[in-house]
Amino acid sequence: MAGITKINQDGRDHGVQYSVANLKCFELDAGADLTAKDGIDGFIAEMVKEFQPLLYKSTGSAGKIFMVCDGHAVTAASMQTRYQAMGTVDSIATGSLTIVERDIDAFDAT
């Protein structure tokens, strides 16, 4: 009887982030404290309207929004281009701000 050798090709390595639904994690840097930017038509609401995250969280006072998005149609670069083109939103100028793709373990709201 022939032996079968199994190899780990489908991604089950400890400590590695995998997406089984083509999800991507992004960190949006607002460059400003967002604790008072959560109202109707506020900065956070406008970012949610623009980027349609499946899950998001803005926490702390460092001006970060962590988002999980459908990764089929977006990249950090495409989102950043849209973000910077938004101009000024709720008194925050987005023209030079960044969006980067992050591993879930690398997100830090401080």
PDB file of N, CA and C in Angstrom:
ATOM      1  N   MET A   1       0.840  -1.173   0.000  1.00  0.00           N
ATOM      2  CA  MET A   1       0.000   0.000   0.000  1.00  0.00           C
ATOM      3  C   MET A   1       0.888   1.240   0.000  1.00  0.00           C
ATOM      4  N   ALA A   2       0.560   2.160  -0.867  1.00  0.00           N
ATOM      5  CA  ALA A   2       1.344   3.391  -0.985  1.00  0.00           C
ATOM      6  C   ALA A   2       1.035   4.317   0.192  1.00  0.00           C
ATOM      7  N   GLY A   3       2.063   5.008   0.653  1.00  0.00           N
ATOM      8  CA  GLY A   3       1.874   5.966   1.726  1.00  0.00           C
ATOM      9  C   GLY A   3       1.456   7.325   1.187  1.00  0.00           C
ATOM     10  N   ILE A   4       0.811   8.092   1.999  1.00  0.00           N
ATOM     11  CA  ILE A   4       0.385   9.439   1.612  1.00  0.00           C
ATOM     12  C   ILE A   4       1.121  10.423   2.500  1.00  0.00           C
ATOM     13  N   THR A   5       1.727  11.397   1.884  1.00  0.00           N
ATOM     14  CA  THR A   5       2.413  12.450   2.618  1.00  0.00           C
ATOM     15  C   THR A   5       1.561  13.708   2.540  1.00  0.00           C
ATOM     16  N   LYS A   6       1.176  14.228   3.665  1.00  0.00           N
ATOM     17  CA  LYS A   6       0.383  15.459   3.693  1.00  0.00           C
ATOM     18  C   LYS A   6       1.319  16.643   3.886  1.00  0.00           C
ATOM     19  N   ILE A   7       1.038  17.698   3.153  1.00  0.00           N
ATOM     20  CA  ILE A   7       1.777  18.938   3.336  1.00  0.00           C
ATOM     21  C   ILE A   7       0.782  20.057   3.594  1.00  0.00           C
ATOM     22  N   ASN A   8       1.220  21.095   4.250  1.00  0.00           N
ATOM     23  CA  ASN A   8       0.348  22.195   4.641  1.00  0.00           C
ATOM     24  C   ASN A   8       0.270  23.217   3.507  1.00  0.00           C
ATOM     25  N   GLN A   9      -0.609  22.950   2.544  1.00  0.00           N
ATOM     26  CA  GLN A   9      -0.742  23.863   1.408  1.00  0.00           C
ATOM     27  C   GLN A   9      -1.925  24.806   1.548  1.00  0.00           C
ATOM     28  N   ASP A  10      -2.834  24.518   2.416  1.00  0.00           N
ATOM     29  CA  ASP A  10      -4.059  25.316   2.467  1.00  0.00           C
ATOM     30  C   ASP A  10      -4.088  26.317   3.616  1.00  0.00           C
ATOM     31  N   GLY A  11      -2.985  26.588   4.232  1.00  0.00           N
ATOM     32  CA  GLY A  11      -2.900  27.665   5.203  1.00  0.00           C
ATOM     33  C   GLY A  11      -3.472  27.369   6.561  1.00  0.00           C
ATOM     34  N   ARG A  12      -2.729  26.734   7.376  1.00  0.00           N
ATOM     35  CA  ARG A  12      -3.112  26.539   8.776  1.00  0.00           C
ATOM     36  C   ARG A  12      -1.915  26.786   9.678  1.00  0.00           C
ATOM     37  N   ASP A  13      -1.026  27.616   9.242  1.00  0.00           N
ATOM     38  CA  ASP A  13       0.167  27.894  10.027  1.00  0.00           C
ATOM     39  C   ASP A  13      -0.181  28.797  11.210  1.00  0.00           C
ATOM     40  N   HIS A  14       0.300  28.449  12.367  1.00  0.00           N
ATOM     41  CA  HIS A  14       0.091  29.249  13.567  1.00  0.00           C
ATOM     42  C   HIS A  14       0.728  30.629  13.385  1.00  0.00           C
ATOM     43  N   GLY A  15       0.030  31.660  13.805  1.00  0.00           N
ATOM     44  CA  GLY A  15       0.580  33.008  13.781  1.00  0.00           C
ATOM     45  C   GLY A  15       0.469  33.720  12.444  1.00  0.00           C
ATOM     46  N   VAL A  16      -0.201  33.129  11.471  1.00  0.00           N
ATOM     47  CA  VAL A  16      -0.346  33.738  10.157  1.00  0.00           C
ATOM     48  C   VAL A  16      -1.816  34.061   9.940  1.00  0.00           C
ATOM     49  N   GLN A  17      -2.106  35.263   9.442  1.00  0.00           N
ATOM     50  CA  GLN A  17      -3.483  35.655   9.177  1.00  0.00           C
ATOM     51  C   GLN A  17      -3.909  35.140   7.808  1.00  0.00           C
ATOM     52  N   TYR A  18      -5.038  34.460   7.766  1.00  0.00           N
ATOM     53  CA  TYR A  18      -5.604  33.960   6.514  1.00  0.00           C
ATOM     54  C   TYR A  18      -7.029  34.470   6.381  1.00  0.00           C
ATOM     55  N   SER A  19      -7.459  34.677   5.168  1.00  0.00           N
ATOM     56  CA  SER A  19      -8.836  35.043   4.911  1.00  0.00           C
ATOM     57  C   SER A  19      -9.461  33.973   4.026  1.00  0.00           C
ATOM     58  N   VAL A  20     -10.515  33.379   4.499  1.00  0.00           N
ATOM     59  CA  VAL A  20     -11.210  32.371   3.708  1.00  0.00           C
ATOM     60  C   VAL A  20     -12.345  32.992   2.897  1.00  0.00           C
ATOM     61  N   ALA A  21     -12.521  34.286   2.993  1.00  0.00           N
ATOM     62  CA  ALA A  21     -13.581  34.985   2.272  1.00  0.00           C
ATOM     63  C   ALA A  21     -13.050  36.215   1.544  1.00  0.00           C
ATOM     64  N   ASN A  22     -11.751  36.264   1.281  1.00  0.00           N
ATOM     65  CA  ASN A  22     -11.100  37.390   0.628  1.00  0.00           C
ATOM     66  C   ASN A  22     -11.377  38.708   1.359  1.00  0.00           C
ATOM     67  N   LEU A  23     -11.229  38.679   2.662  1.00  0.00           N
ATOM     68  CA  LEU A  23     -11.358  39.883   3.463  1.00  0.00           C
ATOM     69  C   LEU A  23      -9.981  40.489   3.663  1.00  0.00           C
ATOM     70  N   LYS A  24      -9.939  41.807   3.750  1.00  0.00           N
ATOM     71  CA  LYS A  24      -8.691  42.510   4.016  1.00  0.00           C
ATOM     72  C   LYS A  24      -8.896  43.462   5.180  1.00  0.00           C
ATOM     73  N   CYS A  25      -7.858  43.623   5.977  1.00  0.00           N
ATOM     74  CA  CYS A  25      -7.884  44.531   7.121  1.00  0.00           C
ATOM     75  C   CYS A  25      -7.117  45.799   6.762  1.00  0.00           C
ATOM     76  N   PHE A  26      -7.713  46.937   7.063  1.00  0.00           N
ATOM     77  CA  PHE A  26      -7.098  48.223   6.747  1.00  0.00           C
ATOM     78  C   PHE A  26      -7.082  49.119   7.974  1.00  0.00           C
ATOM     79  N   GLU A  27      -6.081  49.977   8.015  1.00  0.00           N
ATOM     80  CA  GLU A  27      -5.996  51.005   9.051  1.00  0.00           C
ATOM     81  C   GLU A  27      -6.035  52.356   8.362  1.00  0.00           C
ATOM     82  N   LEU A  28      -7.048  53.144   8.700  1.00  0.00           N
ATOM     83  CA  LEU A  28      -7.194  54.497   8.188  1.00  0.00           C
ATOM     84  C   LEU A  28      -6.650  55.443   9.243  1.00  0.00           C
ATOM     85  N   ASP A  29      -5.753  56.309   8.845  1.00  0.00           N
ATOM     86  CA  ASP A  29      -5.178  57.296   9.756  1.00  0.00           C
ATOM     87  C   ASP A  29      -5.836  58.636   9.483  1.00  0.00           C
ATOM     88  N   ALA A  30      -6.558  59.154  10.465  1.00  0.00           N
ATOM     89  CA  ALA A  30      -7.246  60.436  10.307  1.00  0.00           C
ATOM     90  C   ALA A  30      -6.362  61.610  10.690  1.00  0.00           C
ATOM     91  N   GLY A  31      -5.234  61.346  11.321  1.00  0.00           N
ATOM     92  CA  GLY A  31      -4.338  62.432  11.692  1.00  0.00           C
ATOM     93  C   GLY A  31      -4.891  63.351  12.761  1.00  0.00           C
ATOM     94  N   ALA A  32      -6.001  62.974  13.371  1.00  0.00           N
ATOM     95  CA  ALA A  32      -6.625  63.817  14.396  1.00  0.00           C
ATOM     96  C   ALA A  32      -7.460  62.939  15.324  1.00  0.00           C
ATOM     97  N   ASP A  33      -7.707  63.420  16.511  1.00  0.00           N
ATOM     98  CA  ASP A  33      -8.549  62.726  17.485  1.00  0.00           C
ATOM     99  C   ASP A  33      -9.972  62.609  16.926  1.00  0.00           C
ATOM    100  N   LEU A  34     -10.536  61.409  16.952  1.00  0.00           N
ATOM    101  CA  LEU A  34     -11.876  61.188  16.409  1.00  0.00           C
ATOM    102  C   LEU A  34     -12.950  61.051  17.486  1.00  0.00           C
ATOM    103  N   THR A  35     -12.612  61.289  18.738  1.00  0.00           N
ATOM    104  CA  THR A  35     -13.582  61.071  19.810  1.00  0.00           C
ATOM    105  C   THR A  35     -14.811  61.973  19.690  1.00  0.00           C
ATOM    106  N   ALA A  36     -14.701  63.111  19.042  1.00  0.00           N
ATOM    107  CA  ALA A  36     -15.853  64.003  18.857  1.00  0.00           C
ATOM    108  C   ALA A  36     -16.303  64.045  17.396  1.00  0.00           C
ATOM    109  N   LYS A  37     -15.895  63.066  16.600  1.00  0.00           N
ATOM    110  CA  LYS A  37     -16.209  63.058  15.156  1.00  0.00           C
ATOM    111  C   LYS A  37     -17.154  61.919  14.794  1.00  0.00           C
ATOM    112  N   ASP A  38     -18.031  61.531  15.755  1.00  0.00           N
ATOM    113  CA  ASP A  38     -18.860  60.356  15.552  1.00  0.00           C
ATOM    114  C   ASP A  38     -20.338  60.642  15.338  1.00  0.00           C
ATOM    115  N   GLY A  39     -20.699  61.868  15.084  1.00  0.00           N
ATOM    116  CA  GLY A  39     -22.101  62.197  14.892  1.00  0.00           C
ATOM    117  C   GLY A  39     -22.575  61.955  13.467  1.00  0.00           C
ATOM    118  N   ILE A  40     -23.846  62.282  13.233  1.00  0.00           N
ATOM    119  CA  ILE A  40     -24.415  62.195  11.893  1.00  0.00           C
ATOM    120  C   ILE A  40     -23.609  63.113  10.977  1.00  0.00           C
ATOM    121  N   ASP A  41     -23.203  62.607   9.836  1.00  0.00           N
ATOM    122  CA  ASP A  41     -22.370  63.331   8.864  1.00  0.00           C
ATOM    123  C   ASP A  41     -20.983  63.683   9.416  1.00  0.00           C
ATOM    124  N   GLY A  42     -20.600  63.093  10.542  1.00  0.00           N
ATOM    125  CA  GLY A  42     -19.268  63.298  11.095  1.00  0.00           C
ATOM    126  C   GLY A  42     -18.238  62.499  10.300  1.00  0.00           C
ATOM    127  N   PHE A  43     -16.996  62.652  10.657  1.00  0.00           N
ATOM    128  CA  PHE A  43     -15.897  62.018   9.939  1.00  0.00           C
ATOM    129  C   PHE A  43     -16.057  60.500   9.870  1.00  0.00           C
ATOM    130  N   ILE A  44     -16.360  59.877  11.010  1.00  0.00           N
ATOM    131  CA  ILE A  44     -16.481  58.414  11.027  1.00  0.00           C
ATOM    132  C   ILE A  44     -17.616  57.962  10.106  1.00  0.00           C
ATOM    133  N   ALA A  45     -18.761  58.629  10.183  1.00  0.00           N
ATOM    134  CA  ALA A  45     -19.897  58.271   9.328  1.00  0.00           C
ATOM    135  C   ALA A  45     -19.554  58.418   7.850  1.00  0.00           C
ATOM    136  N   GLU A  46     -18.822  59.457   7.509  1.00  0.00           N
ATOM    137  CA  GLU A  46     -18.443  59.676   6.104  1.00  0.00           C
ATOM    138  C   GLU A  46     -17.470  58.601   5.615  1.00  0.00           C
ATOM    139  N   MET A  47     -16.577  58.151   6.488  1.00  0.00           N
ATOM    140  CA  MET A  47     -15.641  57.090   6.090  1.00  0.00           C
ATOM    141  C   MET A  47     -16.392  55.769   5.885  1.00  0.00           C
ATOM    142  N   VAL A  48     -17.366  55.502   6.733  1.00  0.00           N
ATOM    143  CA  VAL A  48     -18.161  54.290   6.589  1.00  0.00           C
ATOM    144  C   VAL A  48     -18.962  54.336   5.282  1.00  0.00           C
ATOM    145  N   LYS A  49     -19.531  55.484   4.963  1.00  0.00           N
ATOM    146  CA  LYS A  49     -20.261  55.617   3.694  1.00  0.00           C
ATOM    147  C   LYS A  49     -19.346  55.401   2.499  1.00  0.00           C
ATOM    148  N   GLU A  50     -18.148  55.948   2.558  1.00  0.00           N
ATOM    149  CA  GLU A  50     -17.222  55.871   1.423  1.00  0.00           C
ATOM    150  C   GLU A  50     -16.641  54.477   1.223  1.00  0.00           C
ATOM    151  N   PHE A  51     -16.227  53.821   2.312  1.00  0.00           N
ATOM    152  CA  PHE A  51     -15.474  52.573   2.172  1.00  0.00           C
ATOM    153  C   PHE A  51     -16.276  51.307   2.459  1.00  0.00           C
ATOM    154  N   GLN A  52     -17.489  51.439   2.968  1.00  0.00           N
ATOM    155  CA  GLN A  52     -18.392  50.311   3.185  1.00  0.00           C
ATOM    156  C   GLN A  52     -17.733  49.118   3.889  1.00  0.00           C
ATOM    157  N   PRO A  53     -17.108  49.337   5.044  1.00  0.00           N
ATOM    158  CA  PRO A  53     -16.475  48.211   5.737  1.00  0.00           C
ATOM    159  C   PRO A  53     -17.521  47.209   6.222  1.00  0.00           C
ATOM    160  N   LEU A  54     -17.104  45.961   6.294  1.00  0.00           N
ATOM    161  CA  LEU A  54     -17.965  44.919   6.850  1.00  0.00           C
ATOM    162  C   LEU A  54     -17.922  44.967   8.369  1.00  0.00           C
ATOM    163  N   LEU A  55     -16.828  45.483   8.893  1.00  0.00           N
ATOM    164  CA  LEU A  55     -16.620  45.658  10.328  1.00  0.00           C
ATOM    165  C   LEU A  55     -15.661  46.829  10.478  1.00  0.00           C
ATOM    166  N   TYR A  56     -15.879  47.673  11.452  1.00  0.00           N
ATOM    167  CA  TYR A  56     -14.935  48.769  11.698  1.00  0.00           C
ATOM    168  C   TYR A  56     -14.952  49.133  13.168  1.00  0.00           C
ATOM    169  N   LYS A  57     -13.878  49.777  13.583  1.00  0.00           N
ATOM    170  CA  LYS A  57     -13.808  50.274  14.954  1.00  0.00           C
ATOM    171  C   LYS A  57     -12.884  51.474  15.004  1.00  0.00           C
ATOM    172  N   SER A  58     -13.365  52.518  15.633  1.00  0.00           N
ATOM    173  CA  SER A  58     -12.550  53.678  15.949  1.00  0.00           C
ATOM    174  C   SER A  58     -12.461  53.717  17.459  1.00  0.00           C
ATOM    175  N   THR A  59     -11.241  53.668  17.969  1.00  0.00           N
ATOM    176  CA  THR A  59     -11.077  53.608  19.418  1.00  0.00           C
ATOM    177  C   THR A  59      -9.868  54.430  19.832  1.00  0.00           C
ATOM    178  N   GLY A  60      -9.825  54.834  21.061  1.00  0.00           N
ATOM    179  CA  GLY A  60      -8.709  55.647  21.526  1.00  0.00           C
ATOM    180  C   GLY A  60      -8.791  57.052  20.952  1.00  0.00           C
ATOM    181  N   SER A  61      -7.716  57.798  21.082  1.00  0.00           N
ATOM    182  CA  SER A  61      -7.712  59.183  20.608  1.00  0.00           C
ATOM    183  C   SER A  61      -6.623  59.436  19.572  1.00  0.00           C
ATOM    184  N   ALA A  62      -6.065  58.376  19.002  1.00  0.00           N
ATOM    185  CA  ALA A  62      -4.966  58.534  18.038  1.00  0.00           C
ATOM    186  C   ALA A  62      -5.442  58.761  16.604  1.00  0.00           C
ATOM    187  N   GLY A  63      -6.745  58.761  16.377  1.00  0.00           N
ATOM    188  CA  GLY A  63      -7.253  59.048  15.043  1.00  0.00           C
ATOM    189  C   GLY A  63      -7.187  57.885  14.076  1.00  0.00           C
ATOM    190  N   LYS A  64      -7.363  56.675  14.565  1.00  0.00           N
ATOM    191  CA  LYS A  64      -7.289  55.487  13.720  1.00  0.00           C
ATOM    192  C   LYS A  64      -8.664  54.840  13.606  1.00  0.00           C
ATOM    193  N   ILE A  65      -8.955  54.357  12.409  1.00  0.00           N
ATOM    194  CA  ILE A  65     -10.133  53.531  12.191  1.00  0.00           C
ATOM    195  C   ILE A  65      -9.634  52.222  11.597  1.00  0.00           C
ATOM    196  N   PHE A  66      -9.982  51.127  12.248  1.00  0.00           N
ATOM    197  CA  PHE A  66      -9.640  49.804  11.773  1.00  0.00           C
ATOM    198  C   PHE A  66     -10.851  49.267  11.020  1.00  0.00           C
ATOM    199  N   MET A  67     -10.630  48.774   9.796  1.00  0.00           N
ATOM    200  CA  MET A  67     -11.730  48.305   8.962  1.00  0.00           C
ATOM    201  C   MET A  67     -11.423  46.936   8.379  1.00  0.00           C
ATOM    202  N   VAL A  68     -12.443  46.104   8.303  1.00  0.00           N
ATOM    203  CA  VAL A  68     -12.367  44.855   7.560  1.00  0.00           C
ATOM    204  C   VAL A  68     -13.288  45.049   6.356  1.00  0.00           C
ATOM    205  N   CYS A  69     -12.716  44.898   5.161  1.00  0.00           N
ATOM    206  CA  CYS A  69     -13.458  45.157   3.927  1.00  0.00           C
ATOM    207  C   CYS A  69     -13.419  43.948   3.002  1.00  0.00           C
ATOM    208  N   ASP A  70     -14.360  43.906   2.083  1.00  0.00           N
ATOM    209  CA  ASP A  70     -14.341  42.898   1.029  1.00  0.00           C
ATOM    210  C   ASP A  70     -13.125  43.183   0.163  1.00  0.00           C
ATOM    211  N   GLY A  71     -12.206  42.245   0.083  1.00  0.00           N
ATOM    212  CA  GLY A  71     -10.952  42.469  -0.617  1.00  0.00           C
ATOM    213  C   GLY A  71     -10.989  42.195  -2.106  1.00  0.00           C
ATOM    214  N   HIS A  72     -12.151  41.853  -2.657  1.00  0.00           N
ATOM    215  CA  HIS A  72     -12.227  41.556  -4.085  1.00  0.00           C
ATOM    216  C   HIS A  72     -11.935  42.782  -4.947  1.00  0.00           C
ATOM    217  N   ALA A  73     -12.392  43.925  -4.518  1.00  0.00           N
ATOM    218  CA  ALA A  73     -12.327  45.089  -5.398  1.00  0.00           C
ATOM    219  C   ALA A  73     -11.479  46.238  -4.877  1.00  0.00           C
ATOM    220  N   VAL A  74     -10.867  46.098  -3.707  1.00  0.00           N
ATOM    221  CA  VAL A  74     -10.118  47.217  -3.156  1.00  0.00           C
ATOM    222  C   VAL A  74      -8.721  46.796  -2.720  1.00  0.00           C
ATOM    223  N   THR A  75      -7.843  47.765  -2.766  1.00  0.00           N
ATOM    224  CA  THR A  75      -6.504  47.630  -2.212  1.00  0.00           C
ATOM    225  C   THR A  75      -6.276  48.849  -1.330  1.00  0.00           C
ATOM    226  N   ALA A  76      -5.251  48.803  -0.530  1.00  0.00           N
ATOM    227  CA  ALA A  76      -4.929  49.973   0.280  1.00  0.00           C
ATOM    228  C   ALA A  76      -4.633  51.177  -0.614  1.00  0.00           C
ATOM    229  N   ALA A  77      -3.949  50.943  -1.716  1.00  0.00           N
ATOM    230  CA  ALA A  77      -3.614  52.046  -2.633  1.00  0.00           C
ATOM    231  C   ALA A  77      -4.861  52.661  -3.252  1.00  0.00           C
ATOM    232  N   SER A  78      -5.811  51.829  -3.693  1.00  0.00           N
ATOM    233  CA  SER A  78      -7.026  52.384  -4.309  1.00  0.00           C
ATOM    234  C   SER A  78      -7.872  53.129  -3.277  1.00  0.00           C
ATOM    235  N   MET A  79      -7.919  52.606  -2.061  1.00  0.00           N
ATOM    236  CA  MET A  79      -8.669  53.289  -1.011  1.00  0.00           C
ATOM    237  C   MET A  79      -7.998  54.604  -0.625  1.00  0.00           C
ATOM    238  N   GLN A  80      -6.679  54.599  -0.548  1.00  0.00           N
ATOM    239  CA  GLN A  80      -5.964  55.827  -0.180  1.00  0.00           C
ATOM    240  C   GLN A  80      -6.173  56.910  -1.237  1.00  0.00           C
ATOM    241  N   THR A  81      -6.191  56.551  -2.500  1.00  0.00           N
ATOM    242  CA  THR A  81      -6.446  57.532  -3.565  1.00  0.00           C
ATOM    243  C   THR A  81      -7.817  58.173  -3.382  1.00  0.00           C
ATOM    244  N   ARG A  82      -8.811  57.360  -3.122  1.00  0.00           N
ATOM    245  CA  ARG A  82     -10.165  57.886  -2.870  1.00  0.00           C
ATOM    246  C   ARG A  82     -10.192  58.750  -1.616  1.00  0.00           C
ATOM    247  N   TYR A  83      -9.531  58.290  -0.566  1.00  0.00           N
ATOM    248  CA  TYR A  83      -9.492  58.992   0.719  1.00  0.00           C
ATOM    249  C   TYR A  83      -8.874  60.379   0.554  1.00  0.00           C
ATOM    250  N   GLN A  84      -7.731  60.445  -0.103  1.00  0.00           N
ATOM    251  CA  GLN A  84      -7.044  61.720  -0.265  1.00  0.00           C
ATOM    252  C   GLN A  84      -7.823  62.676  -1.165  1.00  0.00           C
ATOM    253  N   ALA A  85      -8.631  62.139  -2.062  1.00  0.00           N
ATOM    254  CA  ALA A  85      -9.431  62.978  -2.962  1.00  0.00           C
ATOM    255  C   ALA A  85     -10.676  63.547  -2.282  1.00  0.00           C
ATOM    256  N   MET A  86     -11.003  63.078  -1.085  1.00  0.00           N
ATOM    257  CA  MET A  86     -12.199  63.555  -0.388  1.00  0.00           C
ATOM    258  C   MET A  86     -12.061  64.999   0.084  1.00  0.00           C
ATOM    259  N   GLY A  87     -10.847  65.502   0.181  1.00  0.00           N
ATOM    260  CA  GLY A  87     -10.642  66.887   0.613  1.00  0.00           C
ATOM    261  C   GLY A  87     -10.753  67.033   2.111  1.00  0.00           C
ATOM    262  N   THR A  88     -11.593  67.956   2.567  1.00  0.00           N
ATOM    263  CA  THR A  88     -11.778  68.183   3.998  1.00  0.00           C
ATOM    264  C   THR A  88     -13.115  67.603   4.431  1.00  0.00           C
ATOM    265  N   VAL A  89     -13.070  66.742   5.426  1.00  0.00           N
ATOM    266  CA  VAL A  89     -14.265  66.073   5.941  1.00  0.00           C
ATOM    267  C   VAL A  89     -14.341  66.349   7.435  1.00  0.00           C
ATOM    268  N   ASP A  90     -15.411  66.997   7.857  1.00  0.00           N
ATOM    269  CA  ASP A  90     -15.615  67.295   9.278  1.00  0.00           C
ATOM    270  C   ASP A  90     -14.369  67.956   9.871  1.00  0.00           C
ATOM    271  N   SER A  91     -13.844  68.918   9.163  1.00  0.00           N
ATOM    272  CA  SER A  91     -12.670  69.739   9.511  1.00  0.00           C
ATOM    273  C   SER A  91     -11.346  68.969   9.523  1.00  0.00           C
ATOM    274  N   ILE A  92     -11.300  67.775   8.939  1.00  0.00           N
ATOM    275  CA  ILE A  92     -10.058  67.015   8.802  1.00  0.00           C
ATOM    276  C   ILE A  92      -9.672  66.979   7.335  1.00  0.00           C
ATOM    277  N   ALA A  93      -8.510  67.541   7.014  1.00  0.00           N
ATOM    278  CA  ALA A  93      -8.010  67.538   5.640  1.00  0.00           C
ATOM    279  C   ALA A  93      -7.400  66.170   5.348  1.00  0.00           C
ATOM    280  N   THR A  94      -7.940  65.464   4.356  1.00  0.00           N
ATOM    281  CA  THR A  94      -7.511  64.098   4.071  1.00  0.00           C
ATOM    282  C   THR A  94      -6.449  64.014   2.973  1.00  0.00           C
ATOM    283  N   GLY A  95      -6.069  65.134   2.388  1.00  0.00           N
ATOM    284  CA  GLY A  95      -5.196  65.155   1.224  1.00  0.00           C
ATOM    285  C   GLY A  95      -3.866  64.437   1.333  1.00  0.00           C
ATOM    286  N   SER A  96      -3.319  64.307   2.520  1.00  0.00           N
ATOM    287  CA  SER A  96      -2.034  63.612   2.655  1.00  0.00           C
ATOM    288  C   SER A  96      -2.096  62.464   3.658  1.00  0.00           C
ATOM    289  N   LEU A  97      -3.300  62.062   4.029  1.00  0.00           N
ATOM    290  CA  LEU A  97      -3.470  61.009   5.020  1.00  0.00           C
ATOM    291  C   LEU A  97      -3.403  59.628   4.370  1.00  0.00           C
ATOM    292  N   THR A  98      -3.239  58.598   5.182  1.00  0.00           N
ATOM    293  CA  THR A  98      -2.964  57.273   4.626  1.00  0.00           C
ATOM    294  C   THR A  98      -3.967  56.208   5.056  1.00  0.00           C
ATOM    295  N   ILE A  99      -4.058  55.190   4.210  1.00  0.00           N
ATOM    296  CA  ILE A  99      -4.742  53.941   4.516  1.00  0.00           C
ATOM    297  C   ILE A  99      -3.755  52.839   4.179  1.00  0.00           C
ATOM    298  N   VAL A 100      -3.527  51.940   5.113  1.00  0.00           N
ATOM    299  CA  VAL A 100      -2.596  50.836   4.879  1.00  0.00           C
ATOM    300  C   VAL A 100      -3.285  49.520   5.213  1.00  0.00           C
ATOM    301  N   GLU A 101      -2.865  48.459   4.523  1.00  0.00           N
ATOM    302  CA  GLU A 101      -3.362  47.136   4.847  1.00  0.00           C
ATOM    303  C   GLU A 101      -2.583  46.635   6.053  1.00  0.00           C
ATOM    304  N   ARG A 102      -3.288  46.033   6.998  1.00  0.00           N
ATOM    305  CA  ARG A 102      -2.665  45.572   8.231  1.00  0.00           C
ATOM    306  C   ARG A 102      -3.050  44.132   8.508  1.00  0.00           C
ATOM    307  N   ASP A 103      -2.151  43.415   9.126  1.00  0.00           N
ATOM    308  CA  ASP A 103      -2.482  42.143   9.744  1.00  0.00           C
ATOM    309  C   ASP A 103      -3.267  42.506  11.003  1.00  0.00           C
ATOM    310  N   ILE A 104      -4.235  41.733  11.355  1.00  0.00           N
ATOM    311  CA  ILE A 104      -5.070  42.050  12.510  1.00  0.00           C
ATOM    312  C   ILE A 104      -4.243  42.211  13.791  1.00  0.00           C
ATOM    313  N   ASP A 105      -3.146  41.490  13.905  1.00  0.00           N
ATOM    314  CA  ASP A 105      -2.287  41.605  15.085  1.00  0.00           C
ATOM    315  C   ASP A 105      -1.500  42.915  15.116  1.00  0.00           C
ATOM    316  N   ALA A 106      -1.345  43.568  13.964  1.00  0.00           N
ATOM    317  CA  ALA A 106      -0.527  44.778  13.891  1.00  0.00           C
ATOM    318  C   ALA A 106      -1.323  46.044  14.158  1.00  0.00           C
ATOM    319  N   PHE A 107      -2.635  45.939  14.281  1.00  0.00           N
ATOM    320  CA  PHE A 107      -3.435  47.129  14.519  1.00  0.00           C
ATOM    321  C   PHE A 107      -3.204  47.637  15.926  1.00  0.00           C
ATOM    322  N   ASP A 108      -2.916  48.920  16.036  1.00  0.00           N
ATOM    323  CA  ASP A 108      -2.658  49.541  17.326  1.00  0.00           C
ATOM    324  C   ASP A 108      -3.340  50.892  17.337  1.00  0.00           C
ATOM    325  N   ALA A 109      -4.310  51.053  18.193  1.00  0.00           N
ATOM    326  CA  ALA A 109      -5.095  52.284  18.246  1.00  0.00           C
ATOM    327  C   ALA A 109      -4.463  53.357  19.121  1.00  0.00           C
ATOM    328  N   THR A 110      -3.272  53.124  19.616  1.00  0.00           N
ATOM    329  CA  THR A 110      -2.657  54.133  20.498  1.00  0.00           C
ATOM    330  C   THR A 110      -1.796  55.093  19.698  1.00  0.00           C
TER     331      THR A 110
END
